[in-house]
Amino acid sequence: MTYNGKGGATAVKAADFHGLTPQATRRMAKKLAEHQLLLVADVIGWTIKYRATPHTVFSLS
């Protein structure tokens, strides 16, 4: 979902997909971005879209 070339995914979309709360997903996404496992793809106001790094995708494949 975060690497399919459509600009990334918001924490709310990821939370719905994984069955988690949006707040918990935002915290996790922020930490993963700090450690460069996710990239910030776009920021529109308060909405942040994240994408997986190519290295992360390659490592999981």
PDB file of N, CA and C in Angstrom:
ATOM      1  N   MET A   1       0.824  -1.199   0.000  1.00  0.00           N
ATOM      2  CA  MET A   1       0.000   0.000   0.000  1.00  0.00           C
ATOM      3  C   MET A   1       0.862   1.254   0.000  1.00  0.00           C
ATOM      4  N   THR A   2       2.012   1.222   0.674  1.00  0.00           N
ATOM      5  CA  THR A   2       2.829   2.436   0.741  1.00  0.00           C
ATOM      6  C   THR A   2       3.879   2.493  -0.356  1.00  0.00           C
ATOM      7  N   TYR A   3       3.936   1.504  -1.226  1.00  0.00           N
ATOM      8  CA  TYR A   3       4.972   1.526  -2.257  1.00  0.00           C
ATOM      9  C   TYR A   3       4.419   1.257  -3.651  1.00  0.00           C
ATOM     10  N   ASN A   4       3.147   1.434  -3.860  1.00  0.00           N
ATOM     11  CA  ASN A   4       2.579   1.108  -5.166  1.00  0.00           C
ATOM     12  C   ASN A   4       2.605   2.280  -6.140  1.00  0.00           C
ATOM     13  N   GLY A   5       3.321   3.346  -5.819  1.00  0.00           N
ATOM     14  CA  GLY A   5       3.475   4.449  -6.755  1.00  0.00           C
ATOM     15  C   GLY A   5       2.339   5.451  -6.766  1.00  0.00           C
ATOM     16  N   LYS A   6       1.396   5.338  -5.861  1.00  0.00           N
ATOM     17  CA  LYS A   6       0.262   6.263  -5.834  1.00  0.00           C
ATOM     18  C   LYS A   6       0.442   7.373  -4.812  1.00  0.00           C
ATOM     19  N   GLY A   7       1.660   7.652  -4.414  1.00  0.00           N
ATOM     20  CA  GLY A   7       1.894   8.773  -3.514  1.00  0.00           C
ATOM     21  C   GLY A   7       1.910   8.425  -2.049  1.00  0.00           C
ATOM     22  N   GLY A   8       1.838   7.171  -1.699  1.00  0.00           N
ATOM     23  CA  GLY A   8       1.912   6.787  -0.301  1.00  0.00           C
ATOM     24  C   GLY A   8       0.554   6.588   0.335  1.00  0.00           C
ATOM     25  N   ALA A   9       0.580   6.375   1.636  1.00  0.00           N
ATOM     26  CA  ALA A   9      -0.650   6.136   2.387  1.00  0.00           C
ATOM     27  C   ALA A   9      -0.636   6.954   3.666  1.00  0.00           C
ATOM     28  N   THR A  10      -1.801   7.375   4.077  1.00  0.00           N
ATOM     29  CA  THR A  10      -1.917   8.090   5.341  1.00  0.00           C
ATOM     30  C   THR A  10      -1.980   7.083   6.481  1.00  0.00           C
ATOM     31  N   ALA A  11      -1.794   7.565   7.690  1.00  0.00           N
ATOM     32  CA  ALA A  11      -1.866   6.700   8.864  1.00  0.00           C
ATOM     33  C   ALA A  11      -3.269   6.126   9.027  1.00  0.00           C
ATOM     34  N   VAL A  12      -4.287   6.894   8.661  1.00  0.00           N
ATOM     35  CA  VAL A  12      -5.670   6.412   8.792  1.00  0.00           C
ATOM     36  C   VAL A  12      -5.908   5.231   7.856  1.00  0.00           C
ATOM     37  N   LYS A  13      -5.433   5.333   6.609  1.00  0.00           N
ATOM     38  CA  LYS A  13      -5.589   4.211   5.674  1.00  0.00           C
ATOM     39  C   LYS A  13      -4.827   2.983   6.153  1.00  0.00           C
ATOM     40  N   ALA A  14      -3.606   3.195   6.632  1.00  0.00           N
ATOM     41  CA  ALA A  14      -2.809   2.077   7.137  1.00  0.00           C
ATOM     42  C   ALA A  14      -3.466   1.462   8.373  1.00  0.00           C
ATOM     43  N   ALA A  15      -4.034   2.293   9.234  1.00  0.00           N
ATOM     44  CA  ALA A  15      -4.705   1.792  10.435  1.00  0.00           C
ATOM     45  C   ALA A  15      -5.907   0.938  10.064  1.00  0.00           C
ATOM     46  N   ASP A  16      -6.700   1.392   9.097  1.00  0.00           N
ATOM     47  CA  ASP A  16      -7.850   0.603   8.644  1.00  0.00           C
ATOM     48  C   ASP A  16      -7.393  -0.731   8.069  1.00  0.00           C
ATOM     49  N   PHE A  17      -6.327  -0.708   7.297  1.00  0.00           N
ATOM     50  CA  PHE A  17      -5.821  -1.916   6.655  1.00  0.00           C
ATOM     51  C   PHE A  17      -5.336  -2.934   7.682  1.00  0.00           C
ATOM     52  N   HIS A  18      -4.673  -2.453   8.751  1.00  0.00           N
ATOM     53  CA  HIS A  18      -4.081  -3.347   9.743  1.00  0.00           C
ATOM     54  C   HIS A  18      -4.950  -3.555  10.986  1.00  0.00           C
ATOM     55  N   GLY A  19      -6.064  -2.865  11.076  1.00  0.00           N
ATOM     56  CA  GLY A  19      -6.946  -3.028  12.231  1.00  0.00           C
ATOM     57  C   GLY A  19      -6.415  -2.369  13.496  1.00  0.00           C
ATOM     58  N   LEU A  20      -5.676  -1.275  13.344  1.00  0.00           N
ATOM     59  CA  LEU A  20      -5.119  -0.537  14.483  1.00  0.00           C
ATOM     60  C   LEU A  20      -5.805   0.817  14.606  1.00  0.00           C
ATOM     61  N   THR A  21      -5.505   1.518  15.676  1.00  0.00           N
ATOM     62  CA  THR A  21      -6.043   2.864  15.817  1.00  0.00           C
ATOM     63  C   THR A  21      -5.178   3.843  15.019  1.00  0.00           C
ATOM     64  N   PRO A  22      -5.777   4.908  14.500  1.00  0.00           N
ATOM     65  CA  PRO A  22      -4.995   5.905  13.763  1.00  0.00           C
ATOM     66  C   PRO A  22      -3.894   6.539  14.615  1.00  0.00           C
ATOM     67  N   GLN A  23      -4.149   6.754  15.897  1.00  0.00           N
ATOM     68  CA  GLN A  23      -3.152   7.374  16.771  1.00  0.00           C
ATOM     69  C   GLN A  23      -1.913   6.493  16.899  1.00  0.00           C
ATOM     70  N   ALA A  24      -2.120   5.208  17.117  1.00  0.00           N
ATOM     71  CA  ALA A  24      -0.994   4.284  17.244  1.00  0.00           C
ATOM     72  C   ALA A  24      -0.227   4.190  15.928  1.00  0.00           C
ATOM     73  N   THR A  25      -0.948   4.173  14.826  1.00  0.00           N
ATOM     74  CA  THR A  25      -0.303   4.079  13.517  1.00  0.00           C
ATOM     75  C   THR A  25       0.508   5.329  13.216  1.00  0.00           C
ATOM     76  N   ARG A  26       0.000   6.500  13.590  1.00  0.00           N
ATOM     77  CA  ARG A  26       0.757   7.739  13.392  1.00  0.00           C
ATOM     78  C   ARG A  26       2.066   7.711  14.172  1.00  0.00           C
ATOM     79  N   ARG A  27       1.999   7.263  15.425  1.00  0.00           N
ATOM     80  CA  ARG A  27       3.218   7.180  16.246  1.00  0.00           C
ATOM     81  C   ARG A  27       4.228   6.230  15.626  1.00  0.00           C
ATOM     82  N   MET A  28       3.761   5.071  15.192  1.00  0.00           N
ATOM     83  CA  MET A  28       4.666   4.090  14.592  1.00  0.00           C
ATOM     84  C   MET A  28       5.258   4.618  13.285  1.00  0.00           C
ATOM     85  N   ALA A  29       4.437   5.239  12.459  1.00  0.00           N
ATOM     86  CA  ALA A  29       4.922   5.768  11.185  1.00  0.00           C
ATOM     87  C   ALA A  29       5.948   6.868  11.408  1.00  0.00           C
ATOM     88  N   LYS A  30       5.721   7.704  12.408  1.00  0.00           N
ATOM     89  CA  LYS A  30       6.680   8.771  12.716  1.00  0.00           C
ATOM     90  C   LYS A  30       8.030   8.176  13.132  1.00  0.00           C
ATOM     91  N   LYS A  31       7.999   7.158  13.992  1.00  0.00           N
ATOM     92  CA  LYS A  31       9.241   6.509  14.428  1.00  0.00           C
ATOM     93  C   LYS A  31       9.940   5.825  13.249  1.00  0.00           C
ATOM     94  N   LEU A  32       9.183   5.142  12.405  1.00  0.00           N
ATOM     95  CA  LEU A  32       9.783   4.474  11.251  1.00  0.00           C
ATOM     96  C   LEU A  32      10.387   5.485  10.282  1.00  0.00           C
ATOM     97  N   ALA A  33       9.764   6.635  10.140  1.00  0.00           N
ATOM     98  CA  ALA A  33      10.321   7.690   9.282  1.00  0.00           C
ATOM     99  C   ALA A  33      11.592   8.270   9.897  1.00  0.00           C
ATOM    100  N   GLU A  34      11.631   8.405  11.218  1.00  0.00           N
ATOM    101  CA  GLU A  34      12.839   8.897  11.881  1.00  0.00           C
ATOM    102  C   GLU A  34      14.014   7.944  11.664  1.00  0.00           C
ATOM    103  N   HIS A  35      13.721   6.649  11.579  1.00  0.00           N
ATOM    104  CA  HIS A  35      14.766   5.647  11.383  1.00  0.00           C
ATOM    105  C   HIS A  35      14.945   5.280   9.909  1.00  0.00           C
ATOM    106  N   GLN A  36      14.324   6.051   9.035  1.00  0.00           N
ATOM    107  CA  GLN A  36      14.454   5.953   7.580  1.00  0.00           C
ATOM    108  C   GLN A  36      13.986   4.622   7.006  1.00  0.00           C
ATOM    109  N   LEU A  37      12.969   4.031   7.625  1.00  0.00           N
ATOM    110  CA  LEU A  37      12.332   2.850   7.060  1.00  0.00           C
ATOM    111  C   LEU A  37      11.102   3.242   6.250  1.00  0.00           C
ATOM    112  N   LEU A  38      10.573   4.422   6.524  1.00  0.00           N
ATOM    113  CA  LEU A  38       9.501   5.027   5.733  1.00  0.00           C
ATOM    114  C   LEU A  38       9.965   6.405   5.295  1.00  0.00           C
ATOM    115  N   LEU A  39       9.456   6.843   4.164  1.00  0.00           N
ATOM    116  CA  LEU A  39       9.729   8.186   3.666  1.00  0.00           C
ATOM    117  C   LEU A  39       8.458   9.009   3.751  1.00  0.00           C
ATOM    118  N   VAL A  40       8.601  10.293   4.015  1.00  0.00           N
ATOM    119  CA  VAL A  40       7.456  11.194   3.970  1.00  0.00           C
ATOM    120  C   VAL A  40       7.243  11.528   2.496  1.00  0.00           C
ATOM    121  N   ALA A  41       6.150  11.036   1.925  1.00  0.00           N
ATOM    122  CA  ALA A  41       5.876  11.215   0.502  1.00  0.00           C
ATOM    123  C   ALA A  41       5.234  12.566   0.220  1.00  0.00           C
ATOM    124  N   ASP A  42       4.357  13.026   1.108  1.00  0.00           N
ATOM    125  CA  ASP A  42       3.628  14.266   0.866  1.00  0.00           C
ATOM    126  C   ASP A  42       3.079  14.789   2.185  1.00  0.00           C
ATOM    127  N   VAL A  43       3.044  16.096   2.308  1.00  0.00           N
ATOM    128  CA  VAL A  43       2.454  16.740   3.483  1.00  0.00           C
ATOM    129  C   VAL A  43       1.451  17.771   2.979  1.00  0.00           C
ATOM    130  N   ILE A  44       0.201  17.584   3.356  1.00  0.00           N
ATOM    131  CA  ILE A  44      -0.864  18.516   2.981  1.00  0.00           C
ATOM    132  C   ILE A  44      -1.548  18.938   4.271  1.00  0.00           C
ATOM    133  N   GLY A  45      -1.225  20.124   4.752  1.00  0.00           N
ATOM    134  CA  GLY A  45      -1.771  20.572   6.033  1.00  0.00           C
ATOM    135  C   GLY A  45      -1.283  19.671   7.151  1.00  0.00           C
ATOM    136  N   TRP A  46      -2.217  19.044   7.861  1.00  0.00           N
ATOM    137  CA  TRP A  46      -1.872  18.124   8.943  1.00  0.00           C
ATOM    138  C   TRP A  46      -1.742  16.684   8.469  1.00  0.00           C
ATOM    139  N   THR A  47      -2.078  16.434   7.203  1.00  0.00           N
ATOM    140  CA  THR A  47      -2.060  15.077   6.661  1.00  0.00           C
ATOM    141  C   THR A  47      -0.678  14.750   6.111  1.00  0.00           C
ATOM    142  N   ILE A  48      -0.124  13.641   6.561  1.00  0.00           N
ATOM    143  CA  ILE A  48       1.182  13.185   6.102  1.00  0.00           C
ATOM    144  C   ILE A  48       1.002  11.828   5.429  1.00  0.00           C
ATOM    145  N   LYS A  49       1.528  11.705   4.212  1.00  0.00           N
ATOM    146  CA  LYS A  49       1.514  10.424   3.508  1.00  0.00           C
ATOM    147  C   LYS A  49       2.914   9.838   3.571  1.00  0.00           C
ATOM    148  N   TYR A  50       2.979   8.553   3.886  1.00  0.00           N
ATOM    149  CA  TYR A  50       4.249   7.849   4.011  1.00  0.00           C
ATOM    150  C   TYR A  50       4.393   6.823   2.895  1.00  0.00           C
ATOM    151  N   ARG A  51       5.641   6.568   2.514  1.00  0.00           N
ATOM    152  CA  ARG A  51       5.979   5.521   1.555  1.00  0.00           C
ATOM    153  C   ARG A  51       7.103   4.683   2.130  1.00  0.00           C
ATOM    154  N   ALA A  52       7.117   3.422   1.773  1.00  0.00           N
ATOM    155  CA  ALA A  52       8.228   2.554   2.165  1.00  0.00           C
ATOM    156  C   ALA A  52       9.435   2.901   1.310  1.00  0.00           C
ATOM    157  N   THR A  53      10.613   2.817   1.902  1.00  0.00           N
ATOM    158  CA  THR A  53      11.828   3.059   1.132  1.00  0.00           C
ATOM    159  C   THR A  53      12.080   1.873   0.208  1.00  0.00           C
ATOM    160  N   PRO A  54      12.751   2.087  -0.909  1.00  0.00           N
ATOM    161  CA  PRO A  54      13.060   0.958  -1.800  1.00  0.00           C
ATOM    162  C   PRO A  54      13.870  -0.127  -1.079  1.00  0.00           C
ATOM    163  N   HIS A  55      14.760   0.275  -0.194  1.00  0.00           N
ATOM    164  CA  HIS A  55      15.557  -0.698   0.553  1.00  0.00           C
ATOM    165  C   HIS A  55      14.660  -1.579   1.425  1.00  0.00           C
ATOM    166  N   THR A  56      13.680  -0.985   2.076  1.00  0.00           N
ATOM    167  CA  THR A  56      12.751  -1.742   2.925  1.00  0.00           C
ATOM    168  C   THR A  56      11.969  -2.746   2.097  1.00  0.00           C
ATOM    169  N   VAL A  57      11.470  -2.308   0.949  1.00  0.00           N
ATOM    170  CA  VAL A  57      10.695  -3.201   0.084  1.00  0.00           C
ATOM    171  C   VAL A  57      11.571  -4.340  -0.411  1.00  0.00           C
ATOM    172  N   PHE A  58      12.789  -4.036  -0.828  1.00  0.00           N
ATOM    173  CA  PHE A  58      13.701  -5.057  -1.311  1.00  0.00           C
ATOM    174  C   PHE A  58      14.037  -6.062  -0.208  1.00  0.00           C
ATOM    175  N   SER A  59      14.231  -5.565   0.996  1.00  0.00           N
ATOM    176  CA  SER A  59      14.578  -6.453   2.120  1.00  0.00           C
ATOM    177  C   SER A  59      13.448  -7.394   2.476  1.00  0.00           C
ATOM    178  N   LEU A  60      12.207  -6.962   2.291  1.00  0.00           N
ATOM    179  CA  LEU A  60      11.052  -7.795   2.629  1.00  0.00           C
ATOM    180  C   LEU A  60      10.678  -8.756   1.524  1.00  0.00           C
ATOM    181  N   SER A  61      11.169  -8.527   0.325  1.00  0.00           N
ATOM    182  CA  SER A  61      10.809  -9.381  -0.822  1.00  0.00           C
ATOM    183  C   SER A  61      11.517 -10.707  -0.784  1.00  0.00           C
TER     184      SER A  61
END
